[in-house]
Amino acid sequence: MKNTDNNSTNFYNFILNVVIFLLSAIVIFLLYIFVANLTGASAEEKNQIKEVYVPKEMLQIEILNGCGVPGLGEFFTDYLRAKKIDVVSSSNYSNFDVVDSFIIDRIGNRKKAEYIASLLGIDTRKIITMENENYFLDASVVLGQDYNKLKPYK
């Protein structure tokens, strides 16, 4: 009888040890996920381009002021020229009601538009393509009321 009690106690201890081991493994896994999320990229960084694209030729763009702040086009022109972007013109957009800055891809080369977006800190979801063979530009940057949240102001 003693042997049967001892066997059942050993079996019970074995099961408890297995359960403790599995629970420990789950806790370690959850801690790993928690730490990885704390140190991982923010949602804004995840929306930026994944690999760095460096254009082989000079990009030609225009800056359009869509919020009406005086001198804004000149400020962004100086910033982008320092980054080796050829800003061929700076003028006003068709209206001053633009809330979020965006980029218009004029030639159908999204990589170039994404590169400009990365320089300015504009979300790549704010790139629209409007190909126009009458434009001799790679892209147009339309500055909105969020201009002070973009990289040149940080």
Protein backbone atom coordinates (compact mmCIF):
# COMPACT_ATOMS: atom_id res chain seq x y z
CA MET A 1 0.00 0.00 0.00
CA LYS A 2 2.84 2.31 0.80
CA ASN A 3 4.36 1.71 -2.63
CA THR A 4 1.09 2.73 -4.35
CA ASP A 5 0.89 5.97 -2.33
CA ASN A 6 4.54 6.70 -3.14
CA ASN A 7 3.94 6.09 -6.88
CA SER A 8 0.90 8.36 -6.93
CA THR A 9 2.83 11.04 -5.02
CA ASN A 10 5.72 10.80 -7.51
CA PHE A 11 3.29 11.01 -10.42
CA TYR A 12 1.54 14.00 -8.81
CA ASN A 13 4.92 15.75 -8.27
CA PHE A 14 5.92 15.02 -11.86
CA ILE A 15 2.68 16.58 -13.17
CA LEU A 16 3.17 19.66 -10.94
CA ASN A 17 6.74 20.07 -12.19
CA VAL A 18 5.57 19.89 -15.82
CA VAL A 19 2.83 22.48 -15.16
CA ILE A 20 5.32 24.80 -13.39
CA PHE A 21 7.75 24.45 -16.30
CA LEU A 22 5.06 25.25 -18.90
CA LEU A 23 3.78 28.25 -16.92
CA SER A 24 7.34 29.54 -16.55
CA ALA A 25 7.90 29.23 -20.29
CA ILE A 26 4.66 31.15 -20.98
CA VAL A 27 5.64 33.92 -18.55
CA ILE A 28 9.09 34.25 -20.15
CA PHE A 29 7.52 34.39 -23.62
CA LEU A 30 5.04 37.10 -22.54
CA LEU A 31 7.84 39.13 -20.93
CA TYR A 32 9.83 38.89 -24.15
CA ILE A 33 6.86 40.19 -26.19
CA PHE A 34 6.30 43.01 -23.69
CA VAL A 35 9.94 44.14 -23.80
CA ALA A 36 10.05 43.83 -27.60
CA ASN A 37 7.01 46.10 -27.92
CA LEU A 38 8.52 48.66 -25.56
CA THR A 39 11.73 48.91 -27.52
CA GLY A 40 10.23 48.41 -30.97
CA ALA A 41 9.51 51.06 -33.59
CA SER A 42 6.59 53.41 -33.12
CA ALA A 43 3.61 53.26 -35.48
CA GLU A 44 4.86 56.38 -37.25
CA GLU A 45 8.28 54.81 -37.86
CA LYS A 46 6.68 51.61 -39.18
CA ASN A 47 4.86 53.69 -41.83
CA GLN A 48 8.10 55.21 -43.06
CA ILE A 49 10.04 53.47 -45.82
CA LYS A 50 11.71 50.22 -44.81
CA GLU A 51 14.98 50.57 -46.69
CA VAL A 52 16.88 53.70 -47.51
CA TYR A 53 16.52 54.77 -51.12
CA VAL A 54 19.20 57.12 -52.37
CA PRO A 55 18.47 58.59 -55.77
CA LYS A 56 21.21 58.37 -58.38
CA GLU A 57 20.21 61.62 -60.05
CA MET A 58 19.17 64.93 -58.53
CA LEU A 59 15.48 65.12 -57.67
CA GLN A 60 13.58 68.13 -58.92
CA ILE A 61 10.58 69.25 -56.91
CA GLU A 62 8.39 72.22 -56.20
CA ILE A 63 7.16 73.46 -52.84
CA LEU A 64 3.54 74.61 -52.59
CA ASN A 65 2.33 76.51 -49.54
CA GLY A 66 -1.10 75.13 -48.66
CA CYS A 67 -1.53 76.87 -45.31
CA GLY A 68 -0.71 80.52 -46.02
CA VAL A 69 2.16 80.94 -43.55
CA PRO A 70 4.49 83.62 -44.99
CA GLY A 71 8.06 82.46 -45.70
CA LEU A 72 7.23 78.77 -45.30
CA GLY A 73 8.17 77.83 -48.85
CA GLU A 74 11.54 79.55 -48.54
CA PHE A 75 12.25 77.78 -45.22
CA PHE A 76 11.50 74.34 -46.68
CA THR A 77 13.39 75.19 -49.88
CA ASP A 78 16.54 75.95 -47.88
CA TYR A 79 16.13 72.74 -45.86
CA LEU A 80 15.70 70.53 -48.93
CA ARG A 81 18.51 72.19 -50.88
CA ALA A 82 20.81 71.43 -47.96
CA LYS A 83 19.76 67.79 -48.47
CA LYS A 84 20.79 67.98 -52.16
CA ILE A 85 17.24 68.27 -53.53
CA ASP A 86 16.76 70.66 -56.46
CA VAL A 87 13.79 72.84 -55.52
CA VAL A 88 12.94 74.49 -58.82
CA SER A 89 10.08 76.63 -57.55
CA SER A 90 8.20 77.66 -54.47
CA SER A 91 4.73 79.16 -54.65
CA ASN A 92 1.24 79.02 -53.19
CA TYR A 93 -1.06 76.03 -53.56
CA SER A 94 -4.53 76.54 -55.04
CA ASN A 95 -5.91 77.19 -51.52
CA PHE A 96 -4.75 77.65 -47.95
CA ASP A 97 -7.06 75.03 -46.40
CA VAL A 98 -4.62 72.10 -46.45
CA VAL A 99 -4.58 70.43 -43.03
CA ASP A 100 -2.03 67.63 -43.57
CA SER A 101 1.04 68.04 -45.73
CA PHE A 102 1.28 65.65 -48.67
CA ILE A 103 3.39 64.81 -51.70
CA ILE A 104 2.25 64.55 -55.31
CA ASP A 105 4.29 62.06 -57.33
CA ARG A 106 4.43 63.64 -60.80
CA ILE A 107 6.31 60.91 -62.71
CA GLY A 108 5.01 57.63 -61.28
CA ASN A 109 8.18 56.82 -59.32
CA ARG A 110 6.95 56.20 -55.79
CA LYS A 111 10.46 55.48 -54.44
CA LYS A 112 11.48 59.06 -55.19
CA ALA A 113 8.36 60.41 -53.49
CA GLU A 114 9.01 58.16 -50.48
CA TYR A 115 12.57 59.48 -50.27
CA ILE A 116 11.28 63.06 -50.14
CA ALA A 117 8.69 61.99 -47.55
CA SER A 118 11.45 60.48 -45.40
CA LEU A 119 13.47 63.70 -45.56
CA LEU A 120 10.49 65.76 -44.43
CA GLY A 121 8.83 63.31 -42.06
CA ILE A 122 5.65 63.02 -44.10
CA ASP A 123 3.78 59.74 -43.75
CA THR A 124 4.11 57.67 -46.94
CA ARG A 125 0.35 57.18 -46.90
CA LYS A 126 0.14 60.86 -47.81
CA ILE A 127 1.71 60.35 -51.24
CA ILE A 128 -0.60 60.58 -54.21
CA THR A 129 0.34 59.92 -57.81
CA MET A 130 -0.77 62.38 -60.48
CA GLU A 131 1.40 61.75 -63.51
CA ASN A 132 1.59 64.68 -65.88
CA GLU A 133 3.99 64.75 -68.82
CA ASN A 134 3.72 68.55 -68.94
CA TYR A 135 5.44 68.75 -65.54
CA PHE A 136 9.19 68.43 -65.62
CA LEU A 137 9.31 67.66 -61.91
CA ASP A 138 9.66 64.50 -59.88
CA ALA A 139 7.23 65.64 -57.20
CA SER A 140 5.33 68.50 -55.59
CA VAL A 141 5.36 68.98 -51.84
CA VAL A 142 2.18 70.61 -50.52
CA LEU A 143 2.70 72.04 -47.04
CA GLY A 144 -0.30 71.96 -44.74
CA GLN A 145 -1.14 73.27 -41.30
CA ASP A 146 0.94 70.45 -39.79
CA TYR A 147 4.18 71.97 -41.18
CA ASN A 148 5.56 72.56 -37.67
CA LYS A 149 5.43 68.79 -36.97
CA LEU A 150 7.69 67.96 -39.91
CA LYS A 151 11.43 67.23 -39.62
CA PRO A 152 12.70 70.70 -40.55
CA TYR A 153 10.98 72.07 -37.44
CA LYS A 154 12.20 69.37 -35.04
